[in-house]
Amino acid sequence: MVRGRSSADRERGLRVGFVGVGSVGRPMLEQVVRAGHEVSFHARRPEVAREVAVCGATSVASPAELGAALDVAVVCVFSDAQVHEVCGGDDGLLATLPAGSTLVVHTTCSPETPTELARVGQARGVSVLDAGFSGGPADAAAGRVTLLVGGEVAVLERVRPVLASYASPILHVGGLGDGQRVKLVNNALFGANVALVAEAERLAEELGIDPARALEAIGHCSGASYALGTVRAAGSSAGLHAAAGRYIAKDVATAKELAAAAGTHLGLLATAADTLEPAADTLESAAPGGPSPLEAGLPADTVGLLAGLTTTRAIRRYRDEPVPAEALRAILFAATRAPSGSNRQPFRFVVLADGPNADAAKRLVGDAARRIWQTKQHTDGYDRADAEPASPRARLARTMRHYVDTFEQVPVLILPCLVRYREPTLMEGASVYPACQNLLLAARALGYGGALTGFGLAVDAELRALLDVPEGTVIAGAITLGRPAGQHGPVRRRPLAELVYGETWGEAPAWAIDPPGTTFTAAGPPNATETRSAPGPDAGAGTAG
C-alpha cells in the first residue's frame, strides 16, 4: 500500500527517482537534489551507488523498490532494450509506480517504446512522457539541457518543476513518440555535421594547414556550427568520436531504422552512419545481464574490437595533458593478457610518465630520435626541396619533425621489454610485440593514441644504466602515449589484394577486396637503395597499428 504524502512532504518538493546515473544522468540527479526535491536512485554497481549517494540522494536495491514511493521516475539509460528492462516486468518501475505518478524517458529509443510503456502504465494510473534531450554532462550540470517532450501538456506541467532544475528550454513537440522522432532527426543531422567537420579537418591538413588552427578560425566565420564547436571542445573530430562516437552511431542507426519503417531514408544524412564508430559491442554497464566482475573494474570502451583494429594508427601529436593513472592501469592490464599461446608472459613494461628517471629517459630517446630522423629524412628523400607541401611524403615529414622536436614533452614513454628465458630465436618477439599491439588498441579504446618506435635502440646502454634493466632483458622498443592533438587523417593501407595471397604466392583470392571507402597509401616496401644503407633510422619512422 502506498502511503499518502503530508502537506510537509509536499512543501519539501516532489519525490523523484532516477535509473541511469551515468555521465548525463548523474548531473541531472544532482541538480534535482539542489532544487530541494526528495531524490532516490537505483544503480547496479555498488561503487557507483556510493559515489552518487554523496550528493544527498538515497540508493535503493531495484527499480521496483525505487518506484514504490515516487511522484516522478526518470529513466536515462543507454538503449531501447535497457528502457524495457528497467521499466517492464515484475522488477521494473511500472510494476510499483503509484497512481498519479509520471514516468519520464530521456533515453533515445524507438518512438514506439513510450507508447508501449504508456499502455502498461495506464492500468495503474501512471502517465508517461518521452523527453529526448540534447546536450551533454556540462549542459546538465549547468541546467541548460534541451528537452524535446512528447505527451500530454498537463502531464508535462505537473513535472516541470523537476525537469526545469536541469533543462532549459523545455519544448513540447507533440504526442508520445514525437519527442523521440525529433531527437532522432536532430542526432542524424548532428552526426552528419560532425562528419563534415572531420572532412574539413582532413582538407585543411592536406592543404598544409594546422587543422586545429583552421577550425578555430572557421568558428568565427560562416562555416561555424554547433558540431564544429563540439569538435573543437573535444580537441578534434577523432577526440569527439572517442568520447561520444558510440552514442551518435547508436542514434543514427535508430534513425535509419525509423526512416525505413516509414518508407523513407536518411538521404545525405546517412553519411554519418558511414563515418562514425559502431556502437554494437560498447553498451554501458547498465546493459541487460551486466558486466562480468572483470569488466566492472574497467572503464567502458569507446570503440568495438573490429573498429579498433581497422582504425588504430600511429599517433605522434599529443595534447599537453597527463594520462590518468586509472587509464594507464586499464591500458597496461589489456596489454599484459598473454597475447601468445603461452601464459609465461615474458615481457615487462617500464612506464615513464613524470619524475627524474622519466625526464632523463625522454631526453635520451628524444636526442636519439632527432639524430635518426635527420639521417632518415635525407636518406629517404623527405627533405627534397621539390616535394609538394600537401603530398603524403611532405605531411609525414612535418609530422615526424614535430614528433622528434617535442619528444621530451610526450605525456608517457613506455619501454616494452622481453625477458629472455631461452636462446634468441626468430619467434622471440611473438609475445612482446602482440602485447604492444594490445597496448595501442586499449589506448585507442579509451581515447588515447601512441606510436611504437625503435628510437630507443640507439641509446640502449644508457637506458639500461638509468633504469637498472637486468642482463638478459631486451628493450624491444619505445612507445609514446597521450591524448591525440589535431587531425591525424585516415588510416592509409596497401590494397588487400597486394598483401593477401591464396593458393599461389602472388595471386590474391577473389574475396581479398577492401571495404568501400578504404584509403590507400602510395608507400611501399623500401627499394634496394633506399634504406638498406641506414638500417638504424628505418626503425624509428614506421607506423604502429
Protein backbone atom coordinates (compact mmCIF):
# COMPACT_ATOMS: atom_id res chain seq x y z
CA MET A 1 0.00 0.00 0.00
CA VAL A 2 1.38 3.42 -0.96
CA ARG A 3 1.40 5.98 1.82
CA GLY A 4 -0.11 9.39 1.04
CA ARG A 5 2.02 12.50 1.37
CA SER A 6 1.55 15.05 4.13
CA SER A 7 1.50 18.79 3.48
CA ALA A 8 5.01 18.99 4.95
CA ASP A 9 6.17 16.37 2.41
CA ARG A 10 4.69 18.38 -0.43
CA GLU A 11 6.46 21.55 0.71
CA ARG A 12 9.79 19.74 0.50
CA GLY A 13 9.20 19.08 -3.19
CA LEU A 14 8.40 16.06 -5.30
CA ARG A 15 9.71 12.56 -4.73
CA VAL A 16 11.94 11.85 -7.72
CA GLY A 17 13.76 8.64 -8.66
CA PHE A 18 16.49 8.06 -11.26
CA VAL A 19 17.53 4.91 -13.11
CA GLY A 20 20.64 5.68 -15.14
CA VAL A 21 23.13 7.84 -13.27
CA GLY A 22 25.92 7.89 -15.82
CA SER A 23 27.69 10.82 -17.44
CA VAL A 24 24.45 12.80 -18.02
CA GLY A 25 22.03 11.17 -15.56
CA ARG A 26 24.21 11.93 -12.56
CA PRO A 27 24.45 15.74 -13.07
CA MET A 28 20.70 15.74 -13.75
CA LEU A 29 20.13 13.98 -10.42
CA GLU A 30 22.45 16.41 -8.61
CA GLN A 31 20.52 19.39 -9.98
CA VAL A 32 17.22 17.88 -8.79
CA VAL A 33 18.71 17.42 -5.30
CA ARG A 34 19.85 21.06 -5.28
CA ALA A 35 16.33 22.13 -6.27
CA GLY A 36 15.05 20.69 -2.98
CA HIS A 37 13.29 17.55 -4.19
CA GLU A 38 13.49 14.21 -2.37
CA VAL A 39 15.69 12.10 -4.64
CA SER A 40 16.43 8.37 -4.75
CA PHE A 41 18.08 6.23 -7.43
CA HIS A 42 18.98 2.70 -8.47
CA ALA A 43 22.48 1.75 -9.63
CA ARG A 44 23.53 -1.87 -10.08
CA ARG A 45 27.19 -1.34 -9.22
CA PRO A 46 27.93 -0.70 -5.52
CA GLU A 47 30.81 1.68 -6.27
CA VAL A 48 28.51 3.86 -8.41
CA ALA A 49 25.84 3.83 -5.70
CA ARG A 50 28.39 5.00 -3.13
CA GLU A 51 29.64 7.82 -5.36
CA VAL A 52 26.19 9.13 -6.24
CA ALA A 53 24.85 8.89 -2.67
CA VAL A 54 27.41 11.52 -1.61
CA CYS A 55 25.30 14.24 -3.22
CA GLY A 56 22.35 13.53 -0.90
CA ALA A 57 20.29 11.01 -2.87
CA THR A 58 19.19 7.64 -1.50
CA SER A 59 20.25 4.37 -3.15
CA VAL A 60 17.70 1.53 -3.46
CA ALA A 61 18.16 -2.08 -4.50
CA SER A 62 15.90 -2.39 -7.57
CA PRO A 63 13.78 -0.33 -9.99
CA ALA A 64 10.61 -1.80 -8.45
CA GLU A 65 11.63 -0.75 -4.95
CA LEU A 66 12.54 2.66 -6.30
CA GLY A 67 9.17 3.15 -7.99
CA ALA A 68 7.06 2.34 -4.95
CA ALA A 69 7.33 5.80 -3.40
CA LEU A 70 7.78 8.24 -6.28
CA ASP A 71 5.96 11.12 -7.90
CA VAL A 72 8.36 11.20 -10.87
CA ALA A 73 10.58 8.41 -12.22
CA VAL A 74 13.36 9.49 -14.62
CA VAL A 75 14.99 6.93 -16.93
CA CYS A 76 18.29 7.90 -18.52
CA VAL A 77 19.90 4.61 -19.65
CA PHE A 78 21.72 3.81 -22.89
CA SER A 79 19.44 1.83 -25.17
CA ASP A 80 15.88 0.91 -26.05
CA ALA A 81 16.37 -2.60 -24.66
CA GLN A 82 17.53 -1.19 -21.34
CA VAL A 83 14.44 1.06 -21.12
CA HIS A 84 12.23 -2.02 -21.42
CA GLU A 85 14.35 -3.88 -18.86
CA VAL A 86 14.20 -1.21 -16.14
CA CYS A 87 10.55 -0.25 -16.75
CA GLY A 88 8.82 -3.58 -17.50
CA GLY A 89 8.42 -6.90 -15.77
CA ASP A 90 7.86 -7.73 -12.12
CA ASP A 91 11.03 -5.93 -11.05
CA GLY A 92 10.56 -2.84 -13.22
CA LEU A 93 9.37 0.67 -12.41
CA LEU A 94 5.88 0.23 -13.86
CA ALA A 95 5.22 -2.70 -11.52
CA THR A 96 5.12 -0.41 -8.47
CA LEU A 97 4.80 3.24 -9.52
CA PRO A 98 1.74 4.66 -7.69
CA ALA A 99 -1.33 6.18 -9.37
CA GLY A 100 -0.78 9.81 -10.30
CA SER A 101 2.96 9.40 -10.83
CA THR A 102 4.82 10.10 -14.07
CA LEU A 103 7.49 8.12 -15.90
CA VAL A 104 9.90 10.37 -17.88
CA VAL A 105 12.03 8.63 -20.53
CA HIS A 106 15.16 10.55 -21.52
CA THR A 107 16.84 7.65 -23.34
CA THR A 108 16.95 7.97 -27.12
CA CYS A 109 14.87 4.95 -28.12
CA SER A 110 12.24 3.75 -30.57
CA PRO A 111 9.28 6.18 -30.76
CA GLU A 112 7.04 3.17 -30.14
CA THR A 113 8.59 2.49 -26.74
CA PRO A 114 6.94 5.41 -24.85
CA THR A 115 3.58 4.45 -26.34
CA GLU A 116 4.01 0.82 -25.22
CA LEU A 117 5.01 1.94 -21.72
CA ALA A 118 2.02 4.28 -21.56
CA ARG A 119 -0.36 1.38 -22.32
CA VAL A 120 1.10 -0.58 -19.42
CA GLY A 121 1.11 2.43 -17.11
CA GLN A 122 -2.48 3.39 -17.90
CA ALA A 123 -3.82 0.41 -15.94
CA ARG A 124 -2.07 1.76 -12.82
CA GLY A 125 -2.88 5.41 -13.44
CA VAL A 126 0.75 6.17 -14.37
CA SER A 127 1.47 8.79 -17.05
CA VAL A 128 4.41 8.65 -19.46
CA LEU A 129 6.40 11.41 -21.16
CA ASP A 130 9.02 10.80 -23.80
CA ALA A 131 11.62 13.52 -23.35
CA GLY A 132 14.62 13.14 -25.59
CA PHE A 133 17.36 15.56 -24.63
CA SER A 134 20.06 17.47 -26.47
CA GLY A 135 23.21 18.33 -24.56
CA GLY A 136 25.93 16.69 -22.52
CA PRO A 137 27.16 16.42 -18.93
CA ALA A 138 28.23 20.07 -18.75
CA ASP A 139 24.81 21.19 -20.01
CA ALA A 140 23.03 19.04 -17.40
CA ALA A 141 25.26 20.43 -14.63
CA ALA A 142 24.52 23.98 -15.80
CA GLY A 143 20.75 23.40 -16.10
CA ARG A 144 20.68 24.00 -19.85
CA VAL A 145 19.84 20.62 -21.38
CA THR A 146 17.25 20.98 -24.15
CA LEU A 147 14.25 18.67 -23.72
CA LEU A 148 12.08 17.56 -26.65
CA VAL A 149 8.90 16.37 -24.95
CA GLY A 150 6.14 14.21 -26.39
CA GLY A 151 2.98 13.54 -24.39
CA GLU A 152 0.15 15.40 -22.69
CA VAL A 153 0.76 19.06 -21.89
CA ALA A 154 -0.96 18.73 -18.50
CA VAL A 155 1.43 15.91 -17.51
CA LEU A 156 4.41 17.98 -18.62
CA GLU A 157 3.28 20.92 -16.48
CA ARG A 158 2.90 18.64 -13.49
CA VAL A 159 6.54 17.56 -13.62
CA ARG A 160 8.02 20.79 -15.00
CA PRO A 161 9.45 21.82 -11.58
CA VAL A 162 11.65 18.71 -11.68
CA LEU A 163 12.69 18.97 -15.33
CA ALA A 164 13.38 22.71 -15.05
CA SER A 165 16.13 22.04 -12.50
CA TYR A 166 18.39 20.71 -15.27
CA ALA A 167 16.69 21.66 -18.56
CA SER A 168 16.11 24.88 -20.47
CA PRO A 169 14.40 25.15 -22.85
CA ILE A 170 11.71 22.50 -22.36
CA LEU A 171 9.96 22.15 -25.72
CA HIS A 172 6.63 20.34 -26.19
CA VAL A 173 6.80 18.89 -29.72
CA GLY A 174 3.70 16.65 -29.93
CA GLY A 175 2.27 13.36 -28.76
CA LEU A 176 4.01 10.34 -27.29
CA GLY A 177 6.90 9.30 -29.51
CA ASP A 178 7.25 12.70 -31.20
CA GLY A 179 9.99 13.73 -28.78
CA GLN A 180 11.97 10.70 -29.90
CA ARG A 181 11.29 11.39 -33.57
CA VAL A 182 12.54 14.98 -33.35
CA LYS A 183 15.56 13.85 -31.34
CA LEU A 184 16.48 11.20 -33.91
CA VAL A 185 16.24 13.69 -36.78
CA ASN A 186 18.40 16.07 -34.76
CA ASN A 187 21.01 13.42 -33.98
CA ALA A 188 21.21 12.27 -37.58
CA LEU A 189 21.81 15.89 -38.61
CA PHE A 190 24.40 16.36 -35.86
CA GLY A 191 26.22 13.17 -36.88
CA ALA A 192 26.32 14.34 -40.50
CA ASN A 193 27.65 17.73 -39.37
CA VAL A 194 30.39 16.05 -37.33
CA ALA A 195 31.33 14.01 -40.40
CA LEU A 196 31.58 17.23 -42.42
CA VAL A 197 33.78 18.85 -39.78
CA ALA A 198 36.06 15.79 -39.94
CA GLU A 199 36.28 16.27 -43.70
CA ALA A 200 37.15 19.94 -43.15
CA GLU A 201 39.96 18.87 -40.81
CA ARG A 202 41.25 16.45 -43.42
CA LEU A 203 41.16 19.05 -46.18
CA ALA A 204 42.91 21.65 -44.02
CA GLU A 205 45.72 19.24 -43.19
CA GLU A 206 46.17 18.15 -46.79
CA LEU A 207 46.42 21.82 -47.75
CA GLY A 208 49.26 22.18 -45.27
CA ILE A 209 47.23 23.99 -42.57
CA ASP A 210 47.09 23.04 -38.90
CA PRO A 211 43.52 21.63 -38.57
CA ALA A 212 43.04 22.93 -35.02
CA ARG A 213 44.00 26.44 -36.08
CA ALA A 214 41.74 26.22 -39.14
CA LEU A 215 38.72 25.16 -37.04
CA GLU A 216 39.40 27.93 -34.54
CA ALA A 217 39.28 30.48 -37.36
CA ILE A 218 36.22 28.93 -39.03
CA GLY A 219 34.44 29.13 -35.68
CA HIS A 220 34.24 32.89 -36.29
CA CYS A 221 33.10 32.53 -39.91
CA SER A 222 30.05 31.43 -41.88
CA GLY A 223 31.15 27.78 -41.65
CA ALA A 224 30.67 27.77 -37.87
CA SER A 225 28.18 25.32 -36.35
CA TYR A 226 27.31 23.63 -33.06
CA ALA A 227 29.06 20.49 -34.34
CA LEU A 228 32.22 22.43 -35.10
CA GLY A 229 32.19 23.90 -31.58
CA THR A 230 31.74 20.45 -30.09
CA VAL A 231 34.64 19.05 -32.13
CA ARG A 232 36.86 21.95 -31.02
CA ALA A 233 35.95 21.34 -27.38
CA ALA A 234 36.96 17.67 -27.79
CA GLY A 235 40.26 18.64 -29.43
CA SER A 236 39.42 17.10 -32.82
CA SER A 237 36.74 15.03 -34.54
CA ALA A 238 38.77 11.95 -33.56
CA GLY A 239 38.59 13.08 -29.94
CA LEU A 240 34.84 13.55 -30.18
CA HIS A 241 34.41 10.11 -31.76
CA ALA A 242 36.47 8.59 -28.96
CA ALA A 243 34.31 10.24 -26.30
CA ALA A 244 30.85 10.04 -27.88
CA GLY A 245 31.03 8.16 -31.19
CA ARG A 246 29.14 5.14 -29.88
CA TYR A 247 26.22 7.31 -28.71
CA ILE A 248 25.99 9.19 -32.01
CA ALA A 249 26.30 6.00 -34.06
CA LYS A 250 23.64 4.25 -31.98
CA ASP A 251 21.20 7.11 -32.54
CA VAL A 252 21.96 7.34 -36.27
CA ALA A 253 21.31 3.60 -36.60
CA THR A 254 17.96 4.02 -34.79
CA ALA A 255 17.08 6.95 -37.09
CA LYS A 256 17.80 4.78 -40.14
CA GLU A 257 15.50 2.06 -38.81
CA LEU A 258 12.78 4.63 -38.10
CA ALA A 259 13.06 6.09 -41.59
CA ALA A 260 12.97 2.65 -43.22
CA ALA A 261 9.84 1.71 -41.25
CA ALA A 262 8.18 4.89 -42.54
CA GLY A 263 9.12 4.05 -46.12
CA THR A 264 11.79 6.73 -46.47
CA HIS A 265 15.53 7.11 -45.84
CA LEU A 266 18.10 9.48 -44.35
CA GLY A 267 19.44 10.59 -47.71
CA LEU A 268 22.57 12.70 -47.31
CA LEU A 269 22.32 12.38 -43.53
CA ALA A 270 23.30 8.73 -43.92
CA THR A 271 26.88 9.96 -44.38
CA ALA A 272 27.10 9.94 -40.60
CA ALA A 273 26.36 6.22 -40.39
CA ASP A 274 29.33 5.50 -42.65
CA THR A 275 31.85 7.59 -40.70
CA LEU A 276 31.01 7.18 -37.02
CA GLU A 277 32.09 4.33 -34.76
CA PRO A 278 29.67 1.39 -34.46
CA ALA A 279 28.04 1.00 -31.07
CA ALA A 280 27.15 -2.68 -31.24
CA ASP A 281 29.57 -4.07 -28.64
CA THR A 282 30.12 -0.99 -26.48
CA LEU A 283 26.95 -0.75 -24.41
CA GLU A 284 27.23 0.88 -20.99
CA SER A 285 27.40 -1.15 -17.83
CA ALA A 286 23.61 -0.97 -17.44
CA ALA A 287 23.25 -3.49 -20.26
CA PRO A 288 20.98 -6.49 -19.56
CA GLY A 289 22.89 -9.16 -17.69
CA GLY A 290 25.51 -6.64 -16.57
CA PRO A 291 29.28 -6.81 -16.85
CA SER A 292 31.46 -9.61 -15.60
CA PRO A 293 33.37 -8.85 -12.37
CA LEU A 294 36.44 -8.18 -14.51
CA GLU A 295 34.62 -5.72 -16.79
CA ALA A 296 33.10 -3.92 -13.82
CA GLY A 297 36.61 -2.90 -12.77
CA LEU A 298 37.49 -1.38 -16.14
CA PRO A 299 36.33 1.81 -17.87
CA ALA A 300 33.85 1.46 -20.75
CA ASP A 301 35.30 1.06 -24.25
CA THR A 302 34.70 3.79 -26.76
CA VAL A 303 35.16 1.55 -29.82
CA GLY A 304 34.43 -2.03 -30.71
CA LEU A 305 37.18 -4.56 -31.33
CA LEU A 306 37.00 -4.58 -35.13
CA ALA A 307 36.70 -0.78 -35.27
CA GLY A 308 39.81 -0.53 -33.12
CA LEU A 309 41.77 -3.00 -35.24
CA THR A 310 40.90 -1.29 -38.51
CA THR A 311 41.33 2.33 -37.39
CA THR A 312 44.26 2.27 -34.93
CA ARG A 313 47.28 4.03 -36.37
CA ALA A 314 50.45 5.74 -35.20
CA ILE A 315 49.61 8.89 -33.23
CA ARG A 316 52.57 11.26 -32.89
CA ARG A 317 50.98 14.53 -31.77
CA TYR A 318 49.64 14.77 -28.24
CA ARG A 319 47.70 17.22 -26.16
CA ASP A 320 49.52 18.75 -23.19
CA GLU A 321 47.73 16.73 -20.53
CA PRO A 322 48.74 13.76 -18.37
CA VAL A 323 47.33 10.26 -18.86
CA PRO A 324 45.43 9.48 -15.62
CA ALA A 325 46.60 6.56 -13.52
CA GLU A 326 43.27 4.73 -13.95
CA ALA A 327 43.64 4.93 -17.75
CA LEU A 328 47.22 3.67 -17.61
CA ARG A 329 46.11 0.82 -15.37
CA ALA A 330 43.39 -0.26 -17.82
CA ILE A 331 45.67 0.09 -20.86
CA LEU A 332 48.52 -1.91 -19.32
CA PHE A 333 46.13 -4.54 -17.95
CA ALA A 334 44.88 -5.12 -21.51
CA ALA A 335 48.46 -5.19 -22.82
CA THR A 336 49.59 -7.86 -20.37
CA ARG A 337 46.96 -10.51 -21.18
CA ALA A 338 49.03 -13.37 -22.73
CA PRO A 339 48.93 -12.40 -26.45
CA SER A 340 50.80 -15.57 -27.44
CA GLY A 341 49.84 -19.15 -26.73
CA SER A 342 51.85 -19.18 -23.50
CA ASN A 343 50.96 -17.82 -20.08
CA ARG A 344 54.64 -17.31 -19.26
CA GLN A 345 54.24 -13.69 -20.40
CA PRO A 346 57.97 -12.99 -20.86
CA PHE A 347 57.51 -9.23 -21.26
CA ARG A 348 57.65 -6.25 -18.94
CA PHE A 349 56.66 -2.62 -19.45
CA VAL A 350 58.62 0.28 -17.97
CA VAL A 351 56.15 3.19 -17.79
CA LEU A 352 57.73 6.64 -17.61
CA ALA A 353 55.28 9.49 -17.04
CA ASP A 354 56.96 12.03 -14.76
CA GLY A 355 59.80 12.04 -12.28
CA PRO A 356 63.56 12.36 -12.72
CA ASN A 357 64.06 8.99 -14.47
CA ALA A 358 61.15 9.69 -16.83
CA ASP A 359 62.57 13.10 -17.76
CA ALA A 360 66.05 11.66 -18.28
CA ALA A 361 64.74 8.75 -20.41
CA LYS A 362 62.66 11.10 -22.58
CA ARG A 363 65.74 13.27 -23.16
CA LEU A 364 67.85 10.27 -24.11
CA VAL A 365 65.32 8.86 -26.56
CA GLY A 366 64.43 12.33 -27.87
CA ASP A 367 68.07 13.08 -28.73
CA ALA A 368 68.31 9.71 -30.49
CA ALA A 369 65.04 10.37 -32.35
CA ARG A 370 66.34 13.67 -33.73
CA ARG A 371 69.61 12.13 -34.89
CA ILE A 372 67.84 9.19 -36.51
CA TRP A 373 65.23 11.33 -38.27
CA GLN A 374 67.93 13.74 -39.52
CA THR A 375 69.59 10.82 -41.27
CA LYS A 376 66.38 9.18 -42.48
CA GLN A 377 64.84 12.30 -43.98
CA HIS A 378 67.93 12.76 -46.13
CA THR A 379 68.37 9.06 -46.97
CA ASP A 380 64.72 8.58 -47.94
CA GLY A 381 64.27 11.94 -49.65
CA TYR A 382 61.89 13.51 -47.14
CA ASP A 383 63.87 16.77 -47.33
CA ARG A 384 63.59 17.17 -51.10
CA ALA A 385 63.01 20.81 -51.99
CA ASP A 386 60.64 19.89 -54.84
CA ALA A 387 58.19 17.94 -52.63
CA GLU A 388 54.60 19.15 -52.88
CA PRO A 389 53.57 20.65 -49.46
CA ALA A 390 50.27 18.72 -49.49
CA SER A 391 51.78 15.36 -50.56
CA PRO A 392 51.71 12.39 -48.14
CA ARG A 393 55.52 12.48 -48.00
CA ALA A 394 55.57 16.16 -47.04
CA ARG A 395 52.84 15.67 -44.46
CA LEU A 396 54.74 12.78 -42.87
CA ALA A 397 57.91 14.86 -42.84
CA ARG A 398 56.12 17.67 -40.95
CA THR A 399 54.58 15.20 -38.50
CA MET A 400 57.90 13.48 -37.82
CA ARG A 401 59.72 16.79 -37.40
CA HIS A 402 57.16 17.88 -34.80
CA TYR A 403 57.33 14.45 -33.14
CA VAL A 404 61.10 14.37 -32.68
CA ASP A 405 61.39 18.07 -31.81
CA THR A 406 58.85 17.74 -28.97
CA PHE A 407 59.74 14.24 -27.83
CA GLU A 408 60.59 15.35 -24.30
CA GLN A 409 57.02 16.64 -23.89
CA VAL A 410 55.26 13.34 -24.67
CA PRO A 411 52.89 12.56 -21.75
CA VAL A 412 54.06 8.95 -21.32
CA LEU A 413 57.02 6.95 -22.63
CA ILE A 414 56.70 3.15 -22.34
CA LEU A 415 59.58 0.76 -22.89
CA PRO A 416 58.33 -2.77 -23.73
CA CYS A 417 60.93 -5.32 -22.67
CA LEU A 418 61.39 -9.02 -23.42
CA VAL A 419 62.72 -11.19 -20.59
CA ARG A 420 64.71 -13.93 -22.30
CA TYR A 421 64.34 -17.38 -20.80
CA ARG A 422 65.95 -19.23 -23.72
CA GLU A 423 68.41 -18.58 -26.52
CA PRO A 424 67.30 -15.96 -29.08
CA THR A 425 65.03 -17.28 -31.85
CA LEU A 426 63.12 -15.76 -34.73
CA MET A 427 59.94 -16.19 -32.69
CA GLU A 428 61.07 -14.45 -29.54
CA GLY A 429 59.10 -11.30 -30.36
CA ALA A 430 55.87 -13.31 -30.62
CA SER A 431 54.91 -12.25 -27.09
CA VAL A 432 56.22 -8.72 -26.66
CA TYR A 433 55.03 -7.25 -29.96
CA PRO A 434 51.46 -8.56 -29.78
CA ALA A 435 51.47 -7.14 -26.24
CA CYS A 436 52.47 -3.78 -27.72
CA GLN A 437 49.60 -4.01 -30.19
CA ASN A 438 47.21 -4.80 -27.33
CA LEU A 439 48.50 -1.70 -25.56
CA LEU A 440 47.86 0.53 -28.58
CA LEU A 441 44.39 -0.95 -29.10
CA ALA A 442 43.49 -0.43 -25.44
CA ALA A 443 44.74 3.15 -25.65
CA ARG A 444 42.57 3.68 -28.74
CA ALA A 445 39.54 2.29 -26.90
CA LEU A 446 39.92 4.92 -24.17
CA GLY A 447 40.55 7.88 -26.48
CA TYR A 448 44.35 7.85 -26.35
CA GLY A 449 46.90 7.01 -29.03
CA GLY A 450 50.54 6.13 -29.44
CA ALA A 451 53.37 5.08 -31.70
CA LEU A 452 55.79 2.17 -31.44
CA THR A 453 59.31 3.23 -32.47
CA GLY A 454 62.84 1.86 -32.44
CA PHE A 455 64.43 5.13 -31.34
CA GLY A 456 65.47 3.65 -28.00
CA LEU A 457 67.77 1.13 -29.71
CA ALA A 458 70.29 3.91 -30.33
CA VAL A 459 70.59 4.63 -26.60
CA ASP A 460 70.10 1.12 -25.28
CA ALA A 461 73.14 1.14 -22.97
CA GLU A 462 72.21 4.50 -21.46
CA LEU A 463 68.61 3.41 -20.81
CA ARG A 464 69.79 0.18 -19.17
CA ALA A 465 72.08 2.07 -16.83
CA LEU A 466 69.44 4.67 -15.99
CA LEU A 467 66.65 2.16 -15.28
CA ASP A 468 68.69 -0.77 -13.90
CA VAL A 469 67.46 -3.09 -16.66
CA PRO A 470 68.99 -6.53 -15.93
CA GLU A 471 71.13 -8.56 -18.30
CA GLY A 472 69.12 -10.99 -20.39
CA THR A 473 66.28 -8.47 -20.83
CA VAL A 474 65.83 -6.83 -24.24
CA ILE A 475 64.40 -3.31 -24.55
CA ALA A 476 62.25 -4.09 -27.58
CA GLY A 477 61.04 -0.60 -28.50
CA ALA A 478 59.83 2.77 -27.27
CA ILE A 479 56.11 3.61 -27.22
CA THR A 480 54.90 7.19 -26.81
CA LEU A 481 51.37 7.63 -25.48
CA GLY A 482 48.94 10.51 -24.97
CA ARG A 483 45.67 12.16 -25.93
CA PRO A 484 45.73 12.88 -29.70
CA ALA A 485 46.02 16.52 -30.73
CA GLY A 486 44.76 17.82 -34.06
CA GLN A 487 43.56 15.71 -37.00
CA HIS A 488 45.58 12.65 -37.89
CA GLY A 489 43.83 11.87 -41.17
CA PRO A 490 42.57 8.49 -42.39
CA VAL A 491 44.34 5.20 -41.86
CA ARG A 492 46.01 4.52 -45.20
CA ARG A 493 46.92 0.99 -46.22
CA ARG A 494 48.07 -1.11 -49.13
CA PRO A 495 45.29 -2.84 -51.09
CA LEU A 496 44.29 -6.16 -49.54
CA ALA A 497 44.91 -7.95 -52.84
CA GLU A 498 48.59 -6.93 -52.69
CA LEU A 499 49.05 -8.28 -49.18
CA VAL A 500 46.96 -11.47 -49.08
CA TYR A 501 47.67 -14.47 -51.30
CA GLY A 502 45.59 -17.57 -51.91
CA GLU A 503 46.69 -20.93 -53.28
CA THR A 504 49.76 -19.48 -55.02
CA TRP A 505 52.30 -16.83 -53.98
CA GLY A 506 51.48 -13.52 -55.60
CA GLU A 507 47.88 -14.38 -56.54
CA ALA A 508 45.13 -12.87 -54.39
CA PRO A 509 41.93 -14.82 -53.68
CA ALA A 510 38.68 -13.42 -55.09
CA TRP A 511 37.47 -12.36 -51.62
CA ALA A 512 40.53 -10.16 -50.93
CA ILE A 513 38.62 -6.95 -51.58
CA ASP A 514 38.90 -3.81 -49.44
CA PRO A 515 35.72 -2.36 -47.88
CA PRO A 516 34.21 0.69 -49.63
CA GLY A 517 35.90 3.91 -48.59
CA THR A 518 39.32 2.36 -47.85
CA THR A 519 42.10 4.94 -48.24
CA PHE A 520 45.28 3.62 -49.83
CA THR A 521 48.87 4.68 -49.29
CA ALA A 522 51.32 5.30 -52.08
CA ALA A 523 54.16 3.98 -49.90
CA GLY A 524 55.51 0.50 -50.48
CA PRO A 525 58.40 -1.67 -49.33
CA PRO A 526 61.77 0.15 -49.43
CA ASN A 527 63.73 -0.42 -52.59
CA ALA A 528 67.25 -1.79 -52.63
CA THR A 529 68.91 1.63 -52.44
CA GLU A 530 66.53 3.38 -50.11
CA THR A 531 67.17 2.26 -46.55
CA ARG A 532 69.44 -0.76 -46.50
CA SER A 533 72.44 1.52 -46.13
CA ALA A 534 70.97 3.03 -42.96
CA PRO A 535 69.09 0.32 -41.03
CA GLY A 536 69.02 2.18 -37.72
CA PRO A 537 66.88 5.19 -38.77
CA ASP A 538 64.36 2.99 -40.56
CA ALA A 539 63.24 1.51 -37.26
CA GLY A 540 62.10 4.85 -35.93
CA ALA A 541 59.66 6.13 -38.52
CA GLY A 542 57.33 3.24 -39.21
CA THR A 543 53.69 3.32 -38.16
CA ALA A 544 52.23 1.18 -35.42
CA GLY A 545 48.83 -0.34 -35.83
